[in-house]
Protein backbone atom coordinates (compact mmCIF):
# COMPACT_ATOMS: atom_id res chain seq x y z
CA MET A 1 -10.81 0.37 -90.24
CA PHE A 2 -13.50 2.40 -91.95
CA LEU A 3 -16.15 1.15 -89.52
CA ARG A 4 -13.94 2.14 -86.58
CA PHE A 5 -13.64 5.63 -88.05
CA ILE A 6 -17.43 5.94 -88.41
CA LYS A 7 -18.01 4.63 -84.88
CA ASN A 8 -15.45 7.06 -83.42
CA PHE A 9 -17.04 9.92 -85.35
CA ALA A 10 -20.50 9.03 -84.02
CA LEU A 11 -19.17 8.75 -80.45
CA LYS A 12 -17.38 12.12 -80.68
CA LYS A 13 -20.59 13.72 -81.92
CA TYR A 14 -22.54 12.17 -79.02
CA ILE A 15 -19.90 13.29 -76.49
CA LYS A 16 -20.00 16.84 -77.83
CA LYS A 17 -23.79 16.85 -77.48
CA CYS A 18 -23.56 15.58 -73.89
CA LEU A 19 -20.97 18.21 -72.96
CA SER A 20 -23.10 21.05 -74.25
CA GLY A 21 -25.88 20.28 -71.78
CA SER A 22 -23.79 19.32 -68.78
CA ILE A 23 -23.52 21.32 -65.60
CA PRO A 24 -20.51 21.09 -63.27
CA PHE A 25 -20.93 19.17 -60.04
CA ALA A 26 -20.03 20.52 -56.63
CA ILE A 27 -17.42 18.78 -54.53
CA PRO A 28 -19.09 16.40 -52.05
CA ASP A 29 -18.61 16.96 -48.32
CA ARG A 30 -16.43 13.88 -47.82
CA ILE A 31 -15.00 11.57 -50.44
CA VAL A 32 -15.74 8.00 -49.51
CA THR A 33 -16.37 6.08 -52.75
CA VAL A 34 -13.91 6.32 -55.61
CA GLY A 35 -14.14 5.01 -59.17
CA ILE A 36 -11.14 4.81 -61.47
CA ILE A 37 -11.23 4.58 -65.26
CA VAL A 38 -7.90 3.32 -66.60
CA ASP A 39 -6.60 3.13 -70.16
CA GLU A 40 -4.66 -0.14 -70.18
CA SER A 41 -2.84 0.60 -73.41
CA TYR A 42 -0.74 3.24 -71.58
CA PHE A 43 -0.97 2.22 -67.94
CA SER A 44 -1.40 -1.37 -66.80
CA ASP A 45 -0.46 -1.08 -63.12
CA ARG A 46 -3.96 -0.27 -61.83
CA GLU A 47 -3.53 -2.38 -58.68
CA ALA A 48 -0.51 -0.31 -57.63
CA LEU A 49 -2.57 2.86 -58.10
CA VAL A 50 -5.34 1.42 -55.92
CA GLU A 51 -2.79 0.42 -53.27
CA LYS A 52 -1.28 3.93 -53.28
CA LEU A 53 -4.72 5.52 -52.81
CA ALA A 54 -5.60 2.98 -50.10
CA SER A 55 -2.37 3.62 -48.21
CA ASP A 56 -3.08 7.33 -47.99
CA GLY A 57 -6.58 7.51 -46.58
CA ILE A 58 -9.20 5.96 -48.87
CA LYS A 59 -10.48 2.52 -47.91
CA LYS A 60 -9.62 -0.15 -50.47
CA GLU A 61 -13.12 -1.65 -50.40
CA ASN A 62 -14.53 1.73 -51.50
CA ILE A 63 -12.37 1.87 -54.64
CA GLU A 64 -13.60 0.33 -57.90
CA THR A 65 -11.77 0.24 -61.22
CA LEU A 66 -12.90 0.05 -64.83
CA SER A 67 -10.28 -0.69 -67.47
CA PHE A 68 -10.42 0.10 -71.17
CA LYS A 69 -8.64 -2.33 -73.48
CA GLU A 70 -8.19 -1.64 -77.18
CA LYS A 71 -8.34 -5.32 -78.10
CA VAL A 72 -9.31 -8.34 -76.05
CA LYS A 73 -8.08 -11.68 -77.32
CA SER A 74 -10.72 -14.36 -77.68
CA LYS A 75 -9.01 -16.77 -75.26
CA GLU A 76 -7.97 -14.07 -72.80
CA VAL A 77 -9.66 -14.38 -69.41
CA LEU A 78 -9.72 -11.23 -67.28
CA ASP A 79 -10.76 -11.22 -63.64
CA TYR A 80 -11.48 -7.49 -63.40
CA LEU A 81 -14.02 -5.10 -64.87
CA TYR A 82 -13.09 -4.00 -68.38
CA TYR A 83 -14.62 -2.87 -71.65
CA SER A 84 -13.49 -2.36 -75.20
CA ARG A 85 -14.74 -0.51 -78.24
CA LYS A 86 -16.86 -3.57 -79.12
CA ASN A 87 -18.85 -3.11 -75.91
CA ILE A 88 -20.10 0.33 -76.98
CA SER A 89 -22.82 0.92 -79.55
CA SER A 90 -22.43 3.71 -82.08
CA THR A 91 -25.15 5.63 -80.21
CA GLY A 92 -23.09 5.69 -76.99
CA ILE A 93 -24.75 2.88 -75.04
CA PHE A 94 -22.61 0.46 -73.03
CA LEU A 95 -23.57 -3.10 -73.97
CA LYS A 96 -22.01 -4.82 -70.94
CA GLU A 97 -24.31 -4.62 -67.93
CA ASP A 98 -21.53 -4.47 -65.33
CA VAL A 99 -19.87 -1.57 -67.17
CA ALA A 100 -23.20 0.27 -67.38
CA ALA A 101 -23.66 -0.31 -63.64
CA PHE A 102 -20.21 1.17 -62.96
CA ILE A 103 -21.00 4.22 -65.08
CA ASN A 104 -24.36 4.77 -63.36
CA LYS A 105 -22.96 4.43 -59.83
CA PRO A 106 -22.85 7.83 -58.05
CA PHE A 107 -19.21 7.84 -56.90
CA ASP A 108 -18.02 10.70 -54.71
CA MET A 109 -14.95 10.96 -56.95
CA LEU A 110 -14.08 9.55 -60.37
CA ILE A 111 -10.43 9.40 -61.35
CA ASN A 112 -9.97 9.48 -65.11
CA TYR A 113 -6.54 7.89 -65.32
CA TYR A 114 -5.74 8.43 -68.98
CA ASP A 115 -3.84 11.16 -70.75
CA VAL A 116 -4.84 10.47 -74.36
CA GLU A 117 -8.31 11.46 -75.54
CA LYS A 118 -10.05 8.38 -76.93
CA PRO A 119 -13.78 8.46 -77.64
CA ALA A 120 -14.48 5.29 -75.62
CA LEU A 121 -12.79 6.73 -72.52
CA LEU A 122 -14.34 10.17 -72.89
CA LEU A 123 -17.77 8.58 -73.25
CA ALA A 124 -17.36 6.74 -69.96
CA THR A 125 -16.31 10.00 -68.29
CA VAL A 126 -19.21 12.00 -69.71
CA LYS A 127 -21.85 9.40 -68.87
CA SER A 128 -20.55 8.82 -65.34
CA LYS A 129 -22.79 9.90 -62.48
CA ALA A 130 -19.79 10.75 -60.28
CA LYS A 131 -20.05 13.93 -58.23
CA PHE A 132 -16.42 15.03 -58.66
CA LYS A 133 -14.13 14.11 -61.57
CA VAL A 134 -10.35 14.23 -61.50
CA GLY A 135 -7.94 13.72 -64.40
CA PHE A 136 -4.87 14.87 -66.24
CA SER A 137 -4.38 18.44 -67.39
CA ASN A 138 -3.75 17.53 -71.03
CA ILE A 139 -7.36 16.29 -71.40
CA ASP A 140 -10.02 18.85 -72.32
CA ASN A 141 -10.97 20.74 -69.16
CA ARG A 142 -14.72 20.20 -69.72
CA PHE A 143 -14.35 16.55 -68.69
CA ASN A 144 -12.77 17.01 -65.26
CA SER A 145 -13.50 19.23 -62.27
CA PHE A 146 -9.92 19.00 -61.00
CA MET A 147 -6.80 18.42 -63.10
CA ILE A 148 -3.27 17.40 -62.21
CA SER A 149 -0.31 18.09 -64.48
CA THR A 150 1.83 14.95 -64.58
CA GLU A 151 2.42 11.87 -66.73
CA ALA A 152 0.35 8.69 -66.54
CA GLU A 153 3.41 6.56 -65.85
CA LYS A 154 4.06 8.48 -62.61
CA TYR A 155 1.10 7.14 -60.64
CA THR A 156 2.72 7.75 -57.25
CA GLU A 157 3.18 11.43 -58.06
CA PHE A 158 -0.40 11.70 -59.34
CA ALA A 159 -1.86 9.99 -56.26
CA SER A 160 0.22 11.98 -53.78
CA GLU A 161 -0.69 15.31 -55.44
CA LEU A 162 -4.37 14.38 -55.55
CA LEU A 163 -4.47 13.30 -51.93
CA LYS A 164 -2.49 16.36 -50.85
CA TYR A 165 -5.08 18.68 -52.35
CA LEU A 166 -8.00 16.64 -51.04
CA LYS A 167 -6.53 16.89 -47.53
CA ILE A 168 -6.09 20.65 -47.94
CA LEU A 169 -9.74 20.90 -48.97
CA ASN A 170 -10.65 18.67 -46.00
CA LYS A 171 -12.41 16.10 -48.19
CA ILE A 172 -10.71 12.94 -46.86
């Protein structure tokens, strides 16, 4: 418990340092590649979210997801990309290579699908090389370029609002 507190404190300090030197990205011409960071403790239906985005104009093969799990059981086998607090060093480095590759990939749009600020999720958002970041309005506005005001459980509403505005901006 105490070690978790120290690790969270160190991560928050690192995130604050990263935010102070960040510059906002411009919206790309067309959005082709999409990355999604999902907090599985509040929303576990990531495949339905991908299907909703794919049905409305973004190709499914261009969508990648990264899930954050609070705890992973030792015998639990997961067939998708995930990370937990154990996969992050106290200096903000992702220890899993596939997670680090996801973070370093220059997506046209990154969807931060979480509505509770957790240091592990915020770190992934800050370190991401995505050109345009989208998330919920109850997260600090320094993390996202575009914010939608809805609840995480209402993924169809979130996806339809996002795609509506992207079509208005002529980005998809």
